[in-house]
Amino acid sequence: MAAPLTFKPLPVDHKKELARRLEAAPVEHGEALLVLWDLLQTAHDQGILDLLDGMVSAKDTIALTIAKYAKTPEGIAAVRNLLTAVKILGSIEPELLEHLSSAITSASAEQKREAKPPGLFALARRALSEDSRRGLSFATSILAGLGRGLK
């Protein structure tokens, strides 16, 4: 019969292994460490570290206040509204929001250029343009959906 081989692994000194890895870290991760030091310094200069320290120190107070508010009917409604708002924003095409943003910017600039409010005929001419009718159609579709929801 064959004799079993005896195998005894060498003992590992975890402290020596950690010291070896720590000694090699500046060489292996030098660039990342420099970026980390820069980030840490910027966070300190901007007061972010002080803010985080205060938040960690007051974590019990913050958590208690949030929990107290979350138990109220208004808090529950706020969380539900926030989730619904996230769902709505997620369903809107980014291009539509980009068009809306540029339209608001250009309308604001146009309004600032007007010395006095436009007359009734100027408003009617603007409202009868193809682009205005398209926007009014979109707005009335939203209003119709809102009205259906209010039944």
Protein backbone atom coordinates (compact mmCIF):
# COMPACT_ATOMS: atom_id res chain seq x y z
CA MET A 1 0.00 0.00 0.00
CA ALA A 2 1.15 3.56 -0.76
CA ALA A 3 2.24 5.82 2.02
CA PRO A 4 0.39 9.17 2.20
CA LEU A 5 2.38 12.28 1.50
CA THR A 6 2.59 14.66 4.38
CA PHE A 7 2.02 18.27 3.52
CA LYS A 8 2.37 21.01 6.02
CA PRO A 9 1.84 24.56 4.64
CA LEU A 10 4.32 27.17 5.73
CA PRO A 11 2.92 29.49 8.36
CA VAL A 12 1.97 32.91 6.99
CA ASP A 13 2.89 35.97 8.97
CA HIS A 14 0.04 38.37 8.17
CA LYS A 15 1.87 41.37 9.62
CA LYS A 16 4.86 40.82 7.33
CA GLU A 17 2.55 40.38 4.32
CA LEU A 18 0.73 43.63 5.13
CA ALA A 19 4.04 45.44 5.60
CA ARG A 20 5.29 44.12 2.23
CA ARG A 21 2.10 45.25 0.46
CA LEU A 22 2.20 48.64 2.16
CA GLU A 23 5.83 49.10 1.13
CA ALA A 24 5.01 48.25 -2.51
CA ALA A 25 1.87 50.43 -2.65
CA PRO A 26 3.56 53.75 -3.62
CA VAL A 27 5.22 52.07 -6.58
CA GLU A 28 2.19 50.08 -7.72
CA HIS A 29 -0.43 52.75 -7.06
CA GLY A 30 1.59 55.97 -7.10
CA GLU A 31 -0.56 57.93 -9.54
CA ALA A 32 -3.80 56.89 -7.85
CA LEU A 33 -2.40 57.88 -4.45
CA LEU A 34 -1.42 61.33 -5.74
CA VAL A 35 -4.92 61.87 -7.17
CA LEU A 36 -6.41 60.72 -3.85
CA TRP A 37 -4.24 63.19 -1.90
CA ASP A 38 -5.32 66.01 -4.25
CA LEU A 39 -8.98 65.05 -3.81
CA LEU A 40 -8.57 64.93 -0.03
CA GLN A 41 -6.92 68.37 0.00
CA THR A 42 -9.67 69.86 -2.18
CA ALA A 43 -12.34 68.37 0.07
CA HIS A 44 -10.57 69.90 3.08
CA ASP A 45 -10.20 73.31 1.40
CA GLN A 46 -13.90 73.40 0.47
CA GLY A 47 -15.04 72.38 3.96
CA ILE A 48 -16.52 69.09 2.78
CA LEU A 49 -14.54 67.11 5.35
CA ASP A 50 -15.88 69.34 8.14
CA LEU A 51 -19.41 68.82 6.83
CA LEU A 52 -18.95 65.05 6.72
CA ASP A 53 -17.46 65.06 10.20
CA GLY A 54 -20.46 66.98 11.50
CA MET A 55 -22.88 64.63 9.77
CA VAL A 56 -21.14 61.56 11.22
CA SER A 57 -21.11 63.14 14.68
CA ALA A 58 -24.82 64.00 14.47
CA LYS A 59 -25.93 60.79 12.73
CA ASP A 60 -28.28 59.80 15.55
CA THR A 61 -29.96 63.19 15.58
CA ILE A 62 -30.29 63.26 11.80
CA ALA A 63 -31.68 59.72 11.63
CA LEU A 64 -34.14 60.44 14.45
CA THR A 65 -35.38 63.62 12.77
CA ILE A 66 -35.80 61.88 9.41
CA ALA A 67 -37.61 58.93 11.01
CA LYS A 68 -39.89 61.28 12.96
CA TYR A 69 -40.81 63.17 9.79
CA ALA A 70 -41.17 60.02 7.69
CA LYS A 71 -43.87 58.70 10.05
CA THR A 72 -46.15 61.67 9.44
CA PRO A 73 -48.77 61.61 6.65
CA GLU A 74 -46.94 64.51 4.97
CA GLY A 75 -43.66 62.58 5.04
CA ILE A 76 -45.26 59.50 3.51
CA ALA A 77 -46.87 61.64 0.82
CA ALA A 78 -43.54 63.39 0.13
CA VAL A 79 -41.74 60.07 -0.38
CA ARG A 80 -44.51 58.82 -2.66
CA ASN A 81 -44.46 62.10 -4.62
CA LEU A 82 -40.68 61.91 -4.94
CA LEU A 83 -40.89 58.37 -6.32
CA THR A 84 -43.62 59.43 -8.76
CA ALA A 85 -41.56 62.44 -9.87
CA VAL A 86 -38.57 60.16 -10.53
CA LYS A 87 -40.84 57.86 -12.56
CA ILE A 88 -42.16 60.82 -14.57
CA LEU A 89 -38.67 62.21 -15.24
CA GLY A 90 -37.49 58.74 -16.28
CA SER A 91 -40.28 58.44 -18.83
CA ILE A 92 -39.57 61.79 -20.54
CA GLU A 93 -37.28 61.64 -23.53
CA PRO A 94 -34.09 63.65 -22.87
CA GLU A 95 -34.43 65.38 -26.22
CA LEU A 96 -37.83 66.76 -25.19
CA LEU A 97 -36.38 68.23 -22.00
CA GLU A 98 -33.50 69.69 -24.00
CA HIS A 99 -35.98 71.35 -26.41
CA LEU A 100 -38.01 72.62 -23.44
CA SER A 101 -34.89 74.07 -21.82
CA SER A 102 -33.79 75.87 -24.99
CA ALA A 103 -37.35 77.13 -25.59
CA ILE A 104 -37.52 78.59 -22.08
CA THR A 105 -34.11 80.20 -22.51
CA SER A 106 -35.00 81.78 -25.86
CA ALA A 107 -38.45 82.89 -24.64
CA SER A 108 -36.86 84.48 -21.58
CA ALA A 109 -34.33 86.34 -23.74
CA GLU A 110 -37.11 87.47 -26.12
CA GLN A 111 -39.23 88.67 -23.21
CA LYS A 112 -36.31 90.71 -21.83
CA ARG A 113 -35.85 92.40 -25.23
CA GLU A 114 -39.49 93.54 -25.36
CA ALA A 115 -39.78 97.12 -24.12
CA LYS A 116 -43.52 96.77 -23.47
CA PRO A 117 -45.90 93.80 -23.54
CA PRO A 118 -47.04 92.72 -27.03
CA GLY A 119 -50.47 93.76 -28.22
CA LEU A 120 -53.46 91.50 -28.69
CA PHE A 121 -52.86 91.06 -32.42
CA ALA A 122 -49.17 90.24 -31.89
CA LEU A 123 -50.18 87.61 -29.33
CA ALA A 124 -52.78 86.18 -31.72
CA ARG A 125 -50.23 86.04 -34.55
CA ARG A 126 -47.78 84.21 -32.25
CA ALA A 127 -50.51 81.82 -31.05
CA LEU A 128 -51.55 80.98 -34.62
CA SER A 129 -48.07 79.93 -35.74
CA GLU A 130 -47.52 76.24 -36.47
CA ASP A 131 -45.03 75.85 -33.62
CA SER A 132 -47.40 77.48 -31.12
CA ARG A 133 -50.25 75.23 -32.22
CA ARG A 134 -47.99 72.19 -31.77
CA GLY A 135 -47.09 73.35 -28.25
CA LEU A 136 -50.73 74.12 -27.42
CA SER A 137 -51.70 70.66 -28.63
CA PHE A 138 -49.12 69.11 -26.31
CA ALA A 139 -50.27 71.25 -23.37
CA THR A 140 -53.96 70.47 -23.96
CA SER A 141 -53.13 66.74 -24.15
CA ILE A 142 -51.52 67.01 -20.73
CA LEU A 143 -54.52 68.95 -19.38
CA ALA A 144 -56.95 66.36 -20.80
CA GLY A 145 -55.02 63.56 -19.08
CA LEU A 146 -55.02 65.52 -15.84
CA GLY A 147 -58.78 66.05 -16.15
CA ARG A 148 -59.32 62.30 -16.70
CA GLY A 149 -57.33 61.64 -13.53
CA LEU A 150 -59.48 64.06 -11.53
CA LYS A 151 -62.77 62.24 -12.26
